[in-house]
Amino acid sequence: MNAVAATPAPVLRPMHEGDLDAVMEIELRAYPFPWTRGIFQDCLRAGYPGRVLAGGDGLFGYGLLSIAADEAHVLNVCVDPRRQSRGLGRRLLRDLVQVARQHRAARVFLEVRPSNAAAIALYHSEGFNEIGRRPRYYPAVTGREDALVMAMELVDEDISSMPPL
């Protein structure tokens, strides 16, 4: 009888500069206009919370968040294109939102390309709502593409009645 070993689920952990080679490999596979290594380094050196999903055979994805005052901003969430559609992006996003909660953020913002239907569906399903548009925000093959601005209000998960106004 052949026993098939179960592959352990990838673990979420903080991103470190030592992860950047693997992060850049994924970034370059995932985006036609990727971030530079310097952008990731600057984010980590500024103390922005970064998270990676790490498995036995390397990184599966990553995310970065900035937090200022009572607001958080999801800067980047990416899953290796070879591992997408497995719930990994959802795990990363939920973890970043949890980090925002731990830092007492009242809301979380993000931008997404209108052409990225899968990401928009994920964000809607996790409680984000479209609140605006940034014209010509992203580079695109044919010039520039707008960004949808989405936000989620963070409220205590155990609220039994509306808080006072």
C-alpha atoms as a PDB file:
ATOM      1  CA  MET A   1       0.000   0.000   0.000  1.00  0.00           C
ATOM      2  CA  ASN A   2       1.420   3.373  -0.981  1.00  0.00           C
ATOM      3  CA  ALA A   3       0.823   6.079   1.566  1.00  0.00           C
ATOM      4  CA  VAL A   4       0.618   9.582   0.174  1.00  0.00           C
ATOM      5  CA  ALA A   5       2.127  12.133   2.517  1.00  0.00           C
ATOM      6  CA  ALA A   6      -0.109  15.123   3.085  1.00  0.00           C
ATOM      7  CA  THR A   7       1.472  18.362   2.029  1.00  0.00           C
ATOM      8  CA  PRO A   8       1.402  20.747   4.977  1.00  0.00           C
ATOM      9  CA  ALA A   9      -0.455  24.000   4.447  1.00  0.00           C
ATOM     10  CA  PRO A  10       1.775  27.013   3.888  1.00  0.00           C
ATOM     11  CA  VAL A  11       2.412  29.096   6.993  1.00  0.00           C
ATOM     12  CA  LEU A  12       2.018  32.839   7.334  1.00  0.00           C
ATOM     13  CA  ARG A  13       4.985  34.658   8.802  1.00  0.00           C
ATOM     14  CA  PRO A  14       6.543  38.117   8.745  1.00  0.00           C
ATOM     15  CA  MET A  15       8.402  39.125   5.591  1.00  0.00           C
ATOM     16  CA  HIS A  16      12.150  39.719   5.942  1.00  0.00           C
ATOM     17  CA  GLU A  17      14.717  41.189   3.567  1.00  0.00           C
ATOM     18  CA  GLY A  18      16.044  37.657   3.096  1.00  0.00           C
ATOM     19  CA  ASP A  19      12.725  36.802   1.402  1.00  0.00           C
ATOM     20  CA  LEU A  20      13.140  39.405  -1.336  1.00  0.00           C
ATOM     21  CA  ASP A  21      14.800  37.142  -3.930  1.00  0.00           C
ATOM     22  CA  ALA A  22      11.781  34.817  -3.795  1.00  0.00           C
ATOM     23  CA  VAL A  23       9.346  37.744  -3.566  1.00  0.00           C
ATOM     24  CA  MET A  24      10.867  39.280  -6.699  1.00  0.00           C
ATOM     25  CA  GLU A  25      10.620  35.988  -8.609  1.00  0.00           C
ATOM     26  CA  ILE A  26       6.879  35.906  -7.879  1.00  0.00           C
ATOM     27  CA  GLU A  27       6.430  39.629  -8.550  1.00  0.00           C
ATOM     28  CA  LEU A  28       8.085  39.289 -11.965  1.00  0.00           C
ATOM     29  CA  ARG A  29       5.907  36.277 -12.871  1.00  0.00           C
ATOM     30  CA  ALA A  30       2.712  37.928 -11.671  1.00  0.00           C
ATOM     31  CA  TYR A  31       2.809  41.456 -13.060  1.00  0.00           C
ATOM     32  CA  PRO A  32       3.663  43.066 -16.389  1.00  0.00           C
ATOM     33  CA  PHE A  33       4.691  46.186 -14.397  1.00  0.00           C
ATOM     34  CA  PRO A  34       6.238  44.755 -11.215  1.00  0.00           C
ATOM     35  CA  TRP A  35       7.485  46.602  -8.173  1.00  0.00           C
ATOM     36  CA  THR A  36      11.247  46.922  -7.895  1.00  0.00           C
ATOM     37  CA  ARG A  37      13.293  45.260  -5.194  1.00  0.00           C
ATOM     38  CA  GLY A  38      14.023  48.749  -3.873  1.00  0.00           C
ATOM     39  CA  ILE A  39      10.334  49.417  -3.260  1.00  0.00           C
ATOM     40  CA  PHE A  40      10.058  46.253  -1.155  1.00  0.00           C
ATOM     41  CA  GLN A  41      13.258  47.140   0.723  1.00  0.00           C
ATOM     42  CA  ASP A  42      12.001  50.657   1.417  1.00  0.00           C
ATOM     43  CA  CYS A  43       8.701  49.295   2.762  1.00  0.00           C
ATOM     44  CA  LEU A  44      10.438  46.852   5.096  1.00  0.00           C
ATOM     45  CA  ARG A  45      12.975  49.445   6.271  1.00  0.00           C
ATOM     46  CA  ALA A  46      10.112  51.861   6.988  1.00  0.00           C
ATOM     47  CA  GLY A  47       8.626  49.208   9.278  1.00  0.00           C
ATOM     48  CA  TYR A  48       5.595  48.376   7.146  1.00  0.00           C
ATOM     49  CA  PRO A  49       4.177  45.003   8.128  1.00  0.00           C
ATOM     50  CA  GLY A  50       4.945  42.452   5.433  1.00  0.00           C
ATOM     51  CA  ARG A  51       3.702  38.868   5.415  1.00  0.00           C
ATOM     52  CA  VAL A  52       4.665  35.829   3.374  1.00  0.00           C
ATOM     53  CA  LEU A  53       3.001  32.474   2.822  1.00  0.00           C
ATOM     54  CA  ALA A  54       5.828  29.975   3.016  1.00  0.00           C
ATOM     55  CA  GLY A  55       5.627  26.297   2.122  1.00  0.00           C
ATOM     56  CA  GLY A  56       8.105  23.454   2.009  1.00  0.00           C
ATOM     57  CA  ASP A  57       9.196  24.422  -1.491  1.00  0.00           C
ATOM     58  CA  GLY A  58       9.442  28.205  -1.076  1.00  0.00           C
ATOM     59  CA  LEU A  59       7.183  31.223  -0.987  1.00  0.00           C
ATOM     60  CA  PHE A  60       3.647  31.007  -2.322  1.00  0.00           C
ATOM     61  CA  GLY A  61       2.723  34.671  -1.902  1.00  0.00           C
ATOM     62  CA  TYR A  62       3.199  37.863   0.062  1.00  0.00           C
ATOM     63  CA  GLY A  63       1.532  41.059   1.159  1.00  0.00           C
ATOM     64  CA  LEU A  64       2.488  44.477   2.490  1.00  0.00           C
ATOM     65  CA  LEU A  65       0.512  46.925   4.588  1.00  0.00           C
ATOM     66  CA  SER A  66       1.138  50.499   5.697  1.00  0.00           C
ATOM     67  CA  ILE A  67      -0.448  51.870   8.839  1.00  0.00           C
ATOM     68  CA  ALA A  68      -0.717  55.528   9.813  1.00  0.00           C
ATOM     69  CA  ALA A  69      -2.931  56.999  12.495  1.00  0.00           C
ATOM     70  CA  ASP A  70      -6.118  54.939  12.376  1.00  0.00           C
ATOM     71  CA  GLU A  71      -5.885  53.883   8.729  1.00  0.00           C
ATOM     72  CA  ALA A  72      -4.212  50.950   7.017  1.00  0.00           C
ATOM     73  CA  HIS A  73      -3.441  50.599   3.334  1.00  0.00           C
ATOM     74  CA  VAL A  74      -2.913  47.271   1.590  1.00  0.00           C
ATOM     75  CA  LEU A  75       0.019  48.094  -0.683  1.00  0.00           C
ATOM     76  CA  ASN A  76       0.532  44.748  -2.378  1.00  0.00           C
ATOM     77  CA  VAL A  77      -1.022  41.281  -2.185  1.00  0.00           C
ATOM     78  CA  CYS A  78       0.310  38.689  -4.586  1.00  0.00           C
ATOM     79  CA  VAL A  79       0.135  34.927  -4.970  1.00  0.00           C
ATOM     80  CA  ASP A  80       2.460  33.106  -7.328  1.00  0.00           C
ATOM     81  CA  PRO A  81       0.477  32.654 -10.572  1.00  0.00           C
ATOM     82  CA  ARG A  82       1.289  28.921 -10.417  1.00  0.00           C
ATOM     83  CA  ARG A  83      -0.560  28.687  -7.084  1.00  0.00           C
ATOM     84  CA  GLN A  84      -3.545  30.977  -7.590  1.00  0.00           C
ATOM     85  CA  SER A  85      -7.201  29.978  -7.133  1.00  0.00           C
ATOM     86  CA  ARG A  86      -6.455  27.967  -3.983  1.00  0.00           C
ATOM     87  CA  GLY A  87      -7.559  30.480  -1.343  1.00  0.00           C
ATOM     88  CA  LEU A  88      -4.031  31.719  -0.661  1.00  0.00           C
ATOM     89  CA  GLY A  89      -4.789  35.336  -1.593  1.00  0.00           C
ATOM     90  CA  ARG A  90      -7.755  35.256   0.783  1.00  0.00           C
ATOM     91  CA  ARG A  91      -5.508  33.970   3.595  1.00  0.00           C
ATOM     92  CA  LEU A  92      -2.991  36.754   2.955  1.00  0.00           C
ATOM     93  CA  LEU A  93      -5.661  39.447   2.778  1.00  0.00           C
ATOM     94  CA  ARG A  94      -7.349  38.259   5.971  1.00  0.00           C
ATOM     95  CA  ASP A  95      -4.013  38.225   7.745  1.00  0.00           C
ATOM     96  CA  LEU A  96      -3.217  41.780   6.627  1.00  0.00           C
ATOM     97  CA  VAL A  97      -6.646  42.940   7.833  1.00  0.00           C
ATOM     98  CA  GLN A  98      -5.964  41.216  11.167  1.00  0.00           C
ATOM     99  CA  VAL A  99      -2.622  43.055  11.430  1.00  0.00           C
ATOM    100  CA  ALA A 100      -4.497  46.309  10.770  1.00  0.00           C
ATOM    101  CA  ARG A 101      -6.946  45.431  13.571  1.00  0.00           C
ATOM    102  CA  GLN A 102      -4.064  44.689  15.945  1.00  0.00           C
ATOM    103  CA  HIS A 103      -2.681  48.159  15.197  1.00  0.00           C
ATOM    104  CA  ARG A 104      -6.137  49.597  15.974  1.00  0.00           C
ATOM    105  CA  ALA A 105      -6.825  50.805  12.445  1.00  0.00           C
ATOM    106  CA  ALA A 106     -10.431  51.879  11.924  1.00  0.00           C
ATOM    107  CA  ARG A 107     -10.402  51.241   8.171  1.00  0.00           C
ATOM    108  CA  VAL A 108      -8.354  49.572   5.473  1.00  0.00           C
ATOM    109  CA  PHE A 109      -7.909  50.922   1.945  1.00  0.00           C
ATOM    110  CA  LEU A 110      -6.537  49.384  -1.238  1.00  0.00           C
ATOM    111  CA  GLU A 111      -6.347  50.049  -4.962  1.00  0.00           C
ATOM    112  CA  VAL A 112      -7.028  47.496  -7.674  1.00  0.00           C
ATOM    113  CA  ARG A 113      -7.057  47.550 -11.447  1.00  0.00           C
ATOM    114  CA  PRO A 114     -10.624  47.529 -12.845  1.00  0.00           C
ATOM    115  CA  SER A 115      -9.407  44.805 -15.226  1.00  0.00           C
ATOM    116  CA  ASN A 116      -8.553  42.488 -12.290  1.00  0.00           C
ATOM    117  CA  ALA A 117     -11.989  40.910 -11.865  1.00  0.00           C
ATOM    118  CA  ALA A 118     -10.750  38.050  -9.660  1.00  0.00           C
ATOM    119  CA  ALA A 119      -9.151  40.440  -7.150  1.00  0.00           C
ATOM    120  CA  ILE A 120     -12.208  42.699  -7.121  1.00  0.00           C
ATOM    121  CA  ALA A 121     -14.443  39.695  -6.409  1.00  0.00           C
ATOM    122  CA  LEU A 122     -12.136  38.622  -3.567  1.00  0.00           C
ATOM    123  CA  TYR A 123     -12.113  42.098  -2.031  1.00  0.00           C
ATOM    124  CA  HIS A 124     -15.910  42.404  -2.263  1.00  0.00           C
ATOM    125  CA  SER A 125     -16.334  38.971  -0.677  1.00  0.00           C
ATOM    126  CA  GLU A 126     -14.098  40.025   2.223  1.00  0.00           C
ATOM    127  CA  GLY A 127     -16.116  43.180   2.937  1.00  0.00           C
ATOM    128  CA  PHE A 128     -14.375  45.864   0.870  1.00  0.00           C
ATOM    129  CA  ASN A 129     -16.509  48.370  -1.021  1.00  0.00           C
ATOM    130  CA  GLU A 130     -15.612  50.621  -3.917  1.00  0.00           C
ATOM    131  CA  ILE A 131     -15.359  54.222  -2.707  1.00  0.00           C
ATOM    132  CA  GLY A 132     -13.694  55.958  -5.633  1.00  0.00           C
ATOM    133  CA  ARG A 133     -11.401  55.859  -8.609  1.00  0.00           C
ATOM    134  CA  ARG A 134      -7.875  57.151  -9.205  1.00  0.00           C
ATOM    135  CA  PRO A 135      -7.516  58.113 -12.865  1.00  0.00           C
ATOM    136  CA  ARG A 136      -4.440  56.839 -14.711  1.00  0.00           C
ATOM    137  CA  TYR A 137      -2.984  55.244 -11.570  1.00  0.00           C
ATOM    138  CA  TYR A 138      -1.386  52.102 -12.994  1.00  0.00           C
ATOM    139  CA  PRO A 139       1.001  51.729 -15.943  1.00  0.00           C
ATOM    140  CA  ALA A 140      -0.553  49.689 -18.751  1.00  0.00           C
ATOM    141  CA  VAL A 141       0.480  48.391 -22.158  1.00  0.00           C
ATOM    142  CA  THR A 142      -1.647  51.077 -23.812  1.00  0.00           C
ATOM    143  CA  GLY A 143      -0.704  53.954 -21.490  1.00  0.00           C
ATOM    144  CA  ARG A 144      -2.298  54.149 -18.033  1.00  0.00           C
ATOM    145  CA  GLU A 145      -5.162  52.345 -16.276  1.00  0.00           C
ATOM    146  CA  ASP A 146      -7.386  53.739 -13.546  1.00  0.00           C
ATOM    147  CA  ALA A 147      -7.467  52.235 -10.072  1.00  0.00           C
ATOM    148  CA  LEU A 148     -10.589  51.395  -8.141  1.00  0.00           C
ATOM    149  CA  VAL A 149     -10.217  52.555  -4.547  1.00  0.00           C
ATOM    150  CA  MET A 150     -11.803  50.157  -2.088  1.00  0.00           C
ATOM    151  CA  ALA A 151     -12.196  50.377   1.668  1.00  0.00           C
ATOM    152  CA  MET A 152     -13.346  48.313   4.608  1.00  0.00           C
ATOM    153  CA  GLU A 153     -14.432  49.739   7.946  1.00  0.00           C
ATOM    154  CA  LEU A 154     -13.078  47.698  10.853  1.00  0.00           C
ATOM    155  CA  VAL A 155     -15.538  47.264  13.683  1.00  0.00           C
ATOM    156  CA  ASP A 156     -15.319  45.085  16.746  1.00  0.00           C
ATOM    157  CA  GLU A 157     -16.321  41.572  15.825  1.00  0.00           C
ATOM    158  CA  ASP A 158     -18.388  41.195  19.001  1.00  0.00           C
ATOM    159  CA  ILE A 159     -20.642  44.238  18.611  1.00  0.00           C
ATOM    160  CA  SER A 160     -24.175  43.369  19.670  1.00  0.00           C
ATOM    161  CA  SER A 161     -25.581  46.845  19.047  1.00  0.00           C
ATOM    162  CA  MET A 162     -24.569  49.883  17.062  1.00  0.00           C
ATOM    163  CA  PRO A 163     -21.987  52.064  18.812  1.00  0.00           C
ATOM    164  CA  PRO A 164     -23.112  55.588  19.767  1.00  0.00           C
ATOM    165  CA  LEU A 165     -22.673  58.321  17.165  1.00  0.00           C
END
